[in-house]
Protein backbone atom coordinates (compact mmCIF):
# COMPACT_ATOMS: atom_id res chain seq x y z
CA MET A 1 62.92 229.21 96.28
CA PHE A 2 66.04 227.50 95.11
CA PHE A 3 63.93 225.42 92.61
CA SER A 4 62.51 228.58 91.38
CA LYS A 5 65.74 230.39 90.50
CA HIS A 6 67.01 226.88 88.97
CA ARG A 7 64.14 226.88 86.48
CA LEU A 8 64.89 230.48 85.60
CA VAL A 9 68.40 229.76 84.83
CA THR A 10 67.63 226.77 82.85
CA ALA A 11 65.07 228.62 80.85
CA ALA A 12 67.58 231.45 80.14
CA LEU A 13 70.15 229.01 79.05
CA SER A 14 67.63 227.14 76.80
CA ALA A 15 66.51 230.39 75.10
CA ALA A 16 70.09 231.58 74.50
CA LEU A 17 71.03 228.05 72.90
CA VAL A 18 68.00 228.28 70.63
CA THR A 19 68.67 231.81 69.51
CA ALA A 20 72.33 230.73 68.70
CA ILE A 21 71.04 227.81 66.56
CA PHE A 22 68.83 229.84 64.52
CA ALA A 23 71.43 232.69 64.32
CA GLY A 24 73.79 230.04 63.08
CA CYS A 25 71.30 228.78 60.27
CA GLY A 26 70.67 232.28 59.05
CA SER A 27 74.30 233.07 58.73
CA GLY A 28 74.86 229.98 56.56
CA ASP A 29 72.09 230.97 54.19
CA GLN A 30 73.36 234.30 53.77
CA GLN A 31 76.84 233.03 52.99
CA LYS A 32 75.59 230.55 50.30
CA GLN A 33 73.58 233.33 48.65
CA ALA A 34 76.67 235.59 48.68
CA GLN A 35 78.74 232.93 47.29
CA ALA A 36 76.25 231.99 44.46
CA PRO A 37 78.06 232.69 41.02
CA LYS A 38 76.78 235.36 38.64
CA GLN A 39 74.74 234.20 35.58
CA GLN A 40 76.79 234.38 32.33
CA VAL A 41 74.98 236.21 29.75
CA LYS A 42 75.76 237.79 26.35
CA VAL A 43 74.73 241.46 26.00
CA MET A 44 74.19 243.84 23.07
CA LYS A 45 73.47 247.33 22.82
CA VAL A 46 70.39 248.39 21.18
CA VAL A 47 70.50 249.40 17.61
CA GLN A 48 69.20 252.85 16.47
CA ARG A 49 69.35 253.71 12.76
CA ASP A 50 67.39 254.74 9.74
CA THR A 51 65.74 251.52 8.63
CA PRO A 52 64.38 250.77 5.15
CA ILE A 53 61.15 248.80 4.89
CA ALA A 54 59.94 246.66 2.20
CA GLY A 55 56.84 244.73 1.29
CA GLU A 56 57.21 241.09 0.16
CA TYR A 57 54.59 239.43 -2.06
CA ALA A 58 54.31 236.10 -4.08
CA GLY A 59 54.62 236.64 -7.77
CA ASN A 60 55.16 234.62 -10.85
CA LEU A 61 56.95 235.30 -14.21
CA VAL A 62 55.04 235.88 -17.42
CA GLY A 63 56.34 236.80 -20.99
CA THR A 64 56.20 240.44 -22.01
CA ASP A 65 54.86 239.03 -25.38
CA GLU A 66 53.58 235.68 -26.36
CA VAL A 67 52.09 234.82 -29.58
CA LYS A 68 50.32 231.69 -31.01
CA ILE A 69 51.79 231.09 -34.54
CA GLN A 70 49.07 229.94 -36.85
CA SER A 71 48.99 229.24 -40.49
CA LYS A 72 46.99 231.57 -42.77
CA VAL A 73 46.52 228.72 -45.20
CA SER A 74 45.37 225.07 -44.79
CA GLY A 75 47.64 222.13 -45.52
CA SER A 76 50.15 219.64 -44.37
CA VAL A 77 53.35 220.45 -42.85
CA VAL A 78 56.09 219.26 -45.05
CA GLU A 79 59.17 220.88 -43.50
CA LYS A 80 60.00 221.82 -39.90
CA LEU A 81 63.19 223.69 -39.38
CA VAL A 82 63.10 224.27 -35.58
CA GLU A 83 62.53 222.41 -32.43
CA GLY A 84 60.43 223.14 -29.28
CA GLY A 85 62.17 225.33 -26.68
CA GLN A 86 64.71 226.78 -29.34
CA PHE A 87 65.37 230.44 -29.36
CA VAL A 88 64.62 232.16 -32.66
CA GLU A 89 65.02 235.48 -34.33
CA GLN A 90 62.47 237.56 -35.98
CA GLY A 91 61.98 236.49 -39.60
CA GLN A 92 63.48 233.10 -39.16
CA LEU A 93 61.77 230.33 -41.22
CA LEU A 94 59.86 227.95 -38.89
CA PHE A 95 57.61 225.49 -41.06
CA VAL A 96 56.81 224.94 -44.56
CA ILE A 97 53.27 223.98 -45.65
CA ASP A 98 52.68 222.01 -48.73
CA SER A 99 52.53 224.61 -51.48
CA ARG A 100 51.53 222.58 -54.48
CA GLN A 101 47.78 223.50 -54.57
CA TYR A 102 48.70 227.13 -54.16
CA GLU A 103 51.19 226.96 -56.99
CA SER A 104 48.49 225.45 -59.07
CA SER A 105 46.04 228.25 -57.97
CA LEU A 106 48.72 230.97 -58.94
CA LEU A 107 49.21 229.48 -62.41
CA GLN A 108 45.39 229.11 -63.03
CA ALA A 109 44.99 232.83 -61.89
CA GLN A 110 47.66 234.08 -64.20
CA ALA A 111 46.29 232.05 -67.17
CA SER A 112 42.99 233.40 -66.56
CA LEU A 113 44.42 236.89 -66.59
CA ALA A 114 46.32 236.33 -69.76
CA GLU A 115 43.08 235.18 -71.28
CA THR A 116 41.30 238.53 -70.13
CA GLU A 117 43.90 240.64 -71.27
CA VAL A 118 43.90 239.09 -74.86
CA ASN A 119 40.05 239.84 -74.92
CA LEU A 120 40.70 243.24 -73.74
CA GLN A 121 43.20 243.97 -76.36
CA ASN A 122 40.88 242.88 -79.09
CA ALA A 123 38.11 244.79 -77.50
CA ARG A 124 40.08 247.92 -77.70
CA ILE A 125 41.10 247.48 -81.36
CA ASP A 126 37.44 246.96 -82.15
CA LEU A 127 36.72 250.11 -80.39
CA GLU A 128 39.18 252.08 -82.27
CA ARG A 129 37.79 250.78 -85.65
CA ASP A 130 34.27 251.49 -84.63
CA GLN A 131 35.16 255.08 -83.67
CA MET A 132 36.74 255.68 -87.12
CA LEU A 133 33.63 254.37 -88.85
CA LEU A 134 31.58 256.49 -86.67
CA LYS A 135 33.25 259.58 -87.89
CA GLU A 136 32.52 258.65 -91.50
CA SER A 137 28.92 257.85 -90.46
CA ALA A 138 29.39 254.19 -91.52
CA ILE A 139 28.04 252.64 -88.36
CA ALA A 140 25.50 253.60 -85.77
CA GLU A 141 26.63 255.49 -82.66
CA GLN A 142 24.98 252.70 -80.60
CA THR A 143 27.50 250.25 -81.88
CA VAL A 144 30.46 252.34 -80.61
CA THR A 145 28.81 252.80 -77.34
CA THR A 146 28.30 248.93 -76.78
CA GLN A 147 31.90 248.34 -77.88
CA ALA A 148 33.25 250.88 -75.29
CA ALA A 149 31.21 249.20 -72.58
CA ALA A 150 32.75 245.96 -73.59
CA VAL A 151 36.30 247.41 -73.26
CA ARG A 152 35.37 248.48 -69.71
CA ALA A 153 33.99 245.10 -68.83
CA TYR A 154 37.31 243.52 -69.90
CA GLU A 155 39.29 246.18 -67.98
CA ALA A 156 37.42 245.30 -64.88
CA ALA A 157 37.72 241.70 -65.31
CA ALA A 158 41.50 242.04 -65.79
CA GLY A 159 41.60 244.08 -62.53
CA ALA A 160 39.86 241.14 -60.74
CA LYS A 161 42.17 238.57 -62.36
CA GLU A 162 45.22 240.66 -61.11
CA ALA A 163 43.72 240.73 -57.64
CA ALA A 164 43.32 237.00 -57.89
CA ILE A 165 47.04 236.64 -58.78
CA ARG A 166 47.95 238.63 -55.81
CA LEU A 167 45.81 236.57 -53.42
CA ALA A 168 47.30 233.37 -54.89
CA MET A 169 50.78 234.71 -54.56
CA GLN A 170 49.97 235.77 -51.02
CA ASN A 171 48.70 232.27 -50.22
CA LEU A 172 51.67 230.55 -51.78
CA SER A 173 54.03 233.03 -49.66
CA ASP A 174 51.99 231.90 -46.58
CA THR A 175 52.96 228.30 -46.95
CA ARG A 176 56.32 229.53 -45.52
CA ILE A 177 55.86 230.30 -41.71
CA TYR A 178 58.23 232.88 -40.21
CA ALA A 179 58.85 233.92 -36.77
CA PRO A 180 56.90 237.23 -35.94
CA MET A 181 59.25 238.25 -33.19
CA SER A 182 62.38 237.07 -31.45
CA GLY A 183 61.83 234.90 -28.45
CA GLN A 184 61.92 231.22 -27.45
CA LEU A 185 59.54 228.65 -28.75
CA GLY A 186 57.18 226.46 -26.54
CA VAL A 187 57.15 222.72 -26.75
CA ASP A 188 53.79 222.65 -28.16
CA ASP A 189 55.20 222.55 -31.72
CA VAL A 190 53.48 220.27 -34.25
CA ALA A 191 55.26 217.35 -36.22
CA VAL A 192 55.93 217.02 -39.75
CA GLY A 193 52.93 215.79 -41.64
CA THR A 194 50.37 217.41 -39.38
CA PHE A 195 47.28 218.95 -41.39
CA VAL A 196 46.73 222.49 -40.28
CA ASN A 197 43.59 224.47 -40.72
CA ALA A 198 43.99 228.11 -41.51
CA GLY A 199 43.62 230.41 -38.38
CA THR A 200 42.79 227.51 -36.25
CA THR A 201 45.64 225.12 -35.59
CA THR A 202 48.61 226.44 -33.62
CA LEU A 203 51.77 225.44 -35.07
CA VAL A 204 53.82 226.51 -32.05
CA THR A 205 53.88 229.39 -29.53
CA VAL A 206 56.76 232.05 -29.09
CA GLY A 207 57.36 234.33 -26.38
CA SER A 208 59.91 237.06 -25.53
CA THR A 209 61.88 236.56 -22.49
CA ASP A 210 63.99 239.58 -22.45
CA PRO A 211 62.57 241.79 -20.86
CA ILE A 212 60.30 239.70 -18.62
CA PHE A 213 57.36 240.57 -16.41
CA VAL A 214 56.71 239.50 -12.69
CA GLN A 215 53.15 239.69 -11.70
CA PHE A 216 51.89 239.91 -8.09
CA SER A 217 49.12 241.22 -6.04
CA ILE A 218 48.94 243.55 -3.12
CA SER A 219 46.00 244.41 -0.84
CA GLU A 220 44.10 247.73 -0.85
CA ASN A 221 45.73 248.83 2.49
CA GLU A 222 49.11 248.02 1.21
CA TYR A 223 48.61 249.96 -1.87
CA LEU A 224 47.56 252.95 -0.14
CA LYS A 225 50.17 252.76 2.43
CA PHE A 226 53.02 252.47 -0.19
CA MET A 227 51.69 255.10 -2.44
CA THR A 228 51.46 257.38 0.52
CA VAL A 229 54.91 256.57 1.38
CA GLN A 230 56.27 257.02 -1.92
CA SER A 231 54.54 260.52 -2.29
CA ASP A 232 56.35 261.64 0.86
CA GLN A 233 59.74 259.95 0.49
CA ALA A 234 60.20 259.22 -3.32
CA ALA A 235 62.49 262.15 -3.87
CA HIS A 236 64.91 260.59 -1.12
CA TYR A 237 64.21 256.82 -1.37
CA PRO A 238 62.93 256.01 -4.90
CA MET A 239 60.85 252.76 -5.30
CA LYS A 240 63.12 249.65 -5.71
CA VAL A 241 61.81 246.40 -6.98
CA THR A 242 63.68 243.11 -6.56
CA ILE A 243 62.90 239.50 -6.63
CA THR A 244 64.27 236.35 -4.91
CA LEU A 245 64.02 233.25 -6.89
CA ALA A 246 62.90 229.69 -5.81
CA ASN A 247 66.47 228.76 -4.89
CA GLY A 248 66.62 231.53 -2.23
CA LYS A 249 69.02 233.76 -4.42
CA GLU A 250 68.34 237.25 -5.12
CA TYR A 251 68.17 238.23 -8.79
CA PRO A 252 70.98 240.67 -9.54
CA TYR A 253 69.04 243.06 -11.72
CA GLU A 254 66.41 245.52 -10.23
CA GLY A 255 63.04 245.89 -12.03
CA GLN A 256 60.69 248.70 -12.41
CA ILE A 257 56.68 248.90 -11.96
CA VAL A 258 55.10 249.22 -15.47
CA GLU A 259 51.56 247.95 -15.36
CA THR A 260 48.83 248.40 -12.51
CA ASP A 261 45.48 247.06 -12.98
CA ARG A 262 42.70 249.76 -13.07
CA SER A 263 40.58 247.99 -10.31
CA LEU A 264 40.65 245.72 -7.30
CA GLY A 265 39.59 242.20 -7.80
CA ASN A 266 36.11 241.65 -6.84
CA ASN A 267 36.77 238.31 -4.94
CA THR A 268 40.13 238.86 -3.77
CA GLY A 269 40.15 242.56 -2.91
CA SER A 270 43.75 242.73 -4.20
CA LEU A 271 45.33 244.87 -6.87
CA ILE A 272 47.37 243.15 -9.81
CA MET A 273 50.80 244.84 -10.61
CA LYS A 274 53.37 244.00 -13.06
CA ALA A 275 57.13 244.79 -12.74
CA VAL A 276 59.57 244.47 -15.82
CA PHE A 277 63.02 242.97 -15.36
CA PRO A 278 65.95 242.64 -17.97
CA ASN A 279 66.71 238.93 -18.58
CA PRO A 280 69.76 239.11 -20.82
CA GLY A 281 71.18 235.58 -19.92
CA GLY A 282 67.63 233.96 -20.14
CA LEU A 283 67.74 232.68 -16.58
CA LEU A 284 64.16 233.73 -15.85
CA MET A 285 61.45 231.79 -17.67
CA PRO A 286 57.61 232.43 -17.81
CA GLY A 287 55.76 230.30 -15.21
CA MET A 288 58.48 230.52 -12.63
CA PHE A 289 57.77 231.75 -9.15
CA ALA A 290 59.51 234.57 -7.22
CA ARG A 291 59.16 236.52 -4.14
CA VAL A 292 58.76 240.31 -4.93
CA LYS A 293 60.09 242.83 -2.67
CA LEU A 294 59.08 246.50 -2.90
CA SER A 295 61.11 249.00 -0.88
CA GLY A 296 60.96 252.80 -0.48
CA GLU A 297 59.64 253.38 2.87
CA VAL A 298 62.42 254.37 5.60
CA ILE A 299 61.71 254.62 9.38
CA HIS A 300 64.09 257.18 10.80
CA ASN A 301 66.01 256.57 13.83
CA ALA A 302 64.29 253.13 14.36
CA ILE A 303 64.88 251.29 17.43
CA LEU A 304 66.11 247.70 16.70
CA VAL A 305 66.24 244.68 18.98
CA PRO A 306 67.32 241.22 18.02
CA GLN A 307 64.48 238.66 17.55
CA ARG A 308 66.18 236.14 19.79
CA ALA A 309 65.99 238.67 22.71
CA VAL A 310 62.16 239.09 22.49
CA GLN A 311 60.14 236.63 24.66
CA GLN A 312 56.34 236.16 25.19
CA LEU A 313 54.16 236.26 28.35
CA LEU A 314 50.45 236.16 28.28
CA GLY A 315 50.46 237.75 24.89
CA LYS A 316 52.80 240.50 25.67
CA SER A 317 56.47 240.89 24.46
CA PHE A 318 59.31 241.58 26.70
CA VAL A 319 63.04 241.64 26.75
CA MET A 320 65.72 241.45 29.51
CA VAL A 321 68.15 244.31 29.81
CA VAL A 322 71.00 244.99 32.15
CA GLY A 323 69.96 247.29 34.93
CA ALA A 324 71.88 250.02 36.50
CA ASP A 325 72.79 247.92 39.35
CA GLY A 326 74.13 245.13 36.90
CA LYS A 327 71.19 242.89 37.56
CA SER A 328 68.69 241.58 35.01
CA GLU A 329 65.70 243.72 34.43
CA ALA A 330 62.56 242.90 32.59
CA ARG A 331 61.00 245.39 30.10
CA THR A 332 57.57 245.10 28.31
CA VAL A 333 58.03 246.19 24.69
CA GLU A 334 55.64 247.01 21.71
CA ILE A 335 56.80 245.59 18.51
CA ASP A 336 56.12 247.28 15.09
CA ARG A 337 57.56 244.83 12.55
CA GLN A 338 60.23 242.44 11.58
CA VAL A 339 63.40 243.56 9.83
CA GLY A 340 65.92 240.82 9.05
CA SER A 341 67.23 239.57 12.44
CA TYR A 342 65.59 242.28 14.24
CA TYR A 343 62.27 243.75 15.48
CA ILE A 344 61.58 247.46 15.30
CA ILE A 345 60.41 248.43 18.79
CA LYS A 346 57.81 251.32 19.27
CA LYS A 347 58.36 251.62 22.93
CA GLY A 348 59.84 249.86 25.98
CA VAL A 349 63.51 250.28 25.24
CA THR A 350 65.96 252.93 24.23
CA ALA A 351 69.12 253.27 22.31
CA GLU A 352 71.15 253.47 25.59
CA ASP A 353 69.84 250.01 26.91
CA ASN A 354 71.66 246.77 26.58
CA VAL A 355 69.63 243.77 25.84
CA ILE A 356 70.48 240.30 26.86
CA VAL A 357 70.64 238.08 23.61
CA GLU A 358 72.12 234.79 24.97
CA GLY A 359 71.93 233.28 28.35
CA LEU A 360 68.14 233.71 28.86
CA THR A 361 67.36 230.15 29.81
CA ASP A 362 66.02 230.23 33.41
CA LEU A 363 67.11 233.76 33.63
CA ARG A 364 64.98 235.60 36.24
CA GLU A 365 64.52 239.29 37.13
CA GLY A 366 66.93 240.60 39.66
CA VAL A 367 69.78 238.26 39.06
CA ASP A 368 73.44 239.46 39.27
CA LEU A 369 74.90 239.07 35.83
CA ALA A 370 78.34 238.12 34.44
CA ILE A 371 78.29 240.22 31.18
CA THR A 372 79.90 239.50 27.90
CA ASN A 373 79.46 242.44 25.28
CA VAL A 374 79.05 241.02 21.83
CA THR A 375 78.35 242.86 18.37
CA PRO A 376 75.71 242.18 15.75
CA GLY A 377 78.36 240.72 13.47
CA GLU A 378 79.50 238.25 16.05
CA MET A 379 76.19 237.00 16.64
CA GLY A 380 75.34 236.70 12.87
CA PHE A 381 72.51 239.34 12.94
CA THR A 382 71.68 240.91 9.65
CA MET A 383 69.30 243.69 8.19
CA THR A 384 68.37 241.71 5.07
CA GLU A 385 64.96 239.47 4.55
CA VAL A 386 62.51 242.36 5.17
CA THR A 387 58.86 241.92 5.64
CA SER A 388 55.88 244.36 5.28
CA SER A 389 53.85 243.49 8.34
CA PHE A 390 54.02 242.17 11.85
CA ASN A 391 53.07 238.52 12.39
CA GLU A 392 52.01 237.75 15.86
CA LYS A 393 52.67 233.96 15.25
CA THR A 394 56.03 234.61 13.89
CA ILE A 395 56.90 236.46 17.12
CA THR A 396 55.57 233.85 19.05
CA GLY A 397 57.42 231.08 17.20
CA ALA A 398 60.50 232.83 17.41
CA THR A 399 61.11 232.45 21.19
CA THR A 400 63.71 229.72 21.41
CA ASP A 401 66.03 231.02 23.97
CA ASN A 402 63.89 230.76 27.10
CA ALA A 403 61.26 228.37 27.19
CA ASN A 404 60.54 228.71 30.86
CA ALA A 405 60.52 232.57 30.80
CA PRO A 406 56.81 233.01 31.17
CA GLY A 407 56.98 231.54 34.61
CA ASN A 408 60.05 233.42 35.81
CA ILE A 409 59.54 237.14 34.63
CA ASN A 410 58.02 238.52 37.76
CA GLN A 411 59.28 236.06 40.31
CA PRO A 412 62.10 237.37 42.74
CA ALA A 413 65.49 235.95 42.52
CA LYS A 414 66.17 233.24 44.96
C-alpha cells in the first residue's frame, strides 16, 4: 500500500514537471514572435486619373518630294556649280552641258530659215507680177495658180524652219541644268567630264526636306480601334502625332496624318500611313528611323499601379497592399496595358488601396508592416512613354523586386 501511494505521488510530480517544461518552451516562442520587428516597406496610394493612351509604331522618314535630275540633251558635263549634299534653291544653276553642237544646230537652222525666207519673198514678187499679167490676159491662169502654190510651199517651209530654230534654241537652253525645286542634293552627283544621255543619265537627285514625311504601318485591329476612338473622342481629344528619334529624344514639333493607303498589304495585313512634320532646321533627313506615337484615346478614371509593384504567380498578376490591420495582403489584379511607369488595372484594387512599391523581397502575406508613405515623384514614376498594347513578356520581365514571391504569396507568416 505504501509503495502504491509512493508511485502515485512520483507519477504526479513527473507529470507536473513535464507540463512546466512544455509550458516554458511555448512561452519562449510566443515571446520571440512578439519581439520580431515589423518589416520595413514603402507604400504609395493607388493613382486614379484620366489617362491618355497612345499607339507606338516603327517608322522611317521620307522626303515629301524627290526628283532625279536628268538632262534633256546628250553631251559631256563641262561645268558643275554644286556639290553633293548641298542645299539649293529652285531655279539655281547646277550643271552645264557642252553646248557647241547645239549652238551649231541653231546657227544652221537660222541660216536655213533665212534662205527659205529669201525664196518666199521672191515667190511672192513673182506671184504679184503674174497676177497683174493675168488681168491683161498676158499669161495663162494656170501659171498664176502654180505660182500661188509655190508661195504657200515656201511659207510652210519657213514655218518648219522657224520651228527648227525654236527646237535648237530649246536644246541650247537645256544645256544649262537648273534646280526644279528647293531642297537638298543627294551625293549621287556626277563629275565634270561625264557624258550624259538625254533622259537616261541622272545628274543628281534633289529632295525637299521641309516639310518631311514619316511613314509607318499599323495593323487592321489598331486602325479600327483608333478610328473608333477618334470618332467618339475627337471633339475633346484630337489626334496628336509625335515622333521620338534614334537618340531617344522627342522631336519638338507635332505632325499631322496626311496620307493613308487605300488598302491593307496582302502579305503583312497592315495599313501604310504618312504623317507630315515641319523641319525648319533640317534636323530630319530621309532614311532616318523614328518611333511614331499616335495619341487620342483617353481612359477616364483609370486605376494605375506602378509596374514595380506588380508580381507574377503561375501566370497571374498580383500586388501587395496594406490591409486594414496594418499587415501585408495579397491581391490578384487584371492588367489592361502599360502607361509609362504604371500599369492600368482593370480589377483587383481601388483608388482607396495602398500598394507596396519597395520592400517586397521575401515579403509574405500577413506580415506586420512598418510603413513609409511615398509619392510618385519621390519614386521617379512617370506617365510618359506610352504603349498601345499589353505585352505579357514585358510584365513578366518587369518583376525585379521580389524574385522569391511566387513561393511566398499564400504561405502563412512565421
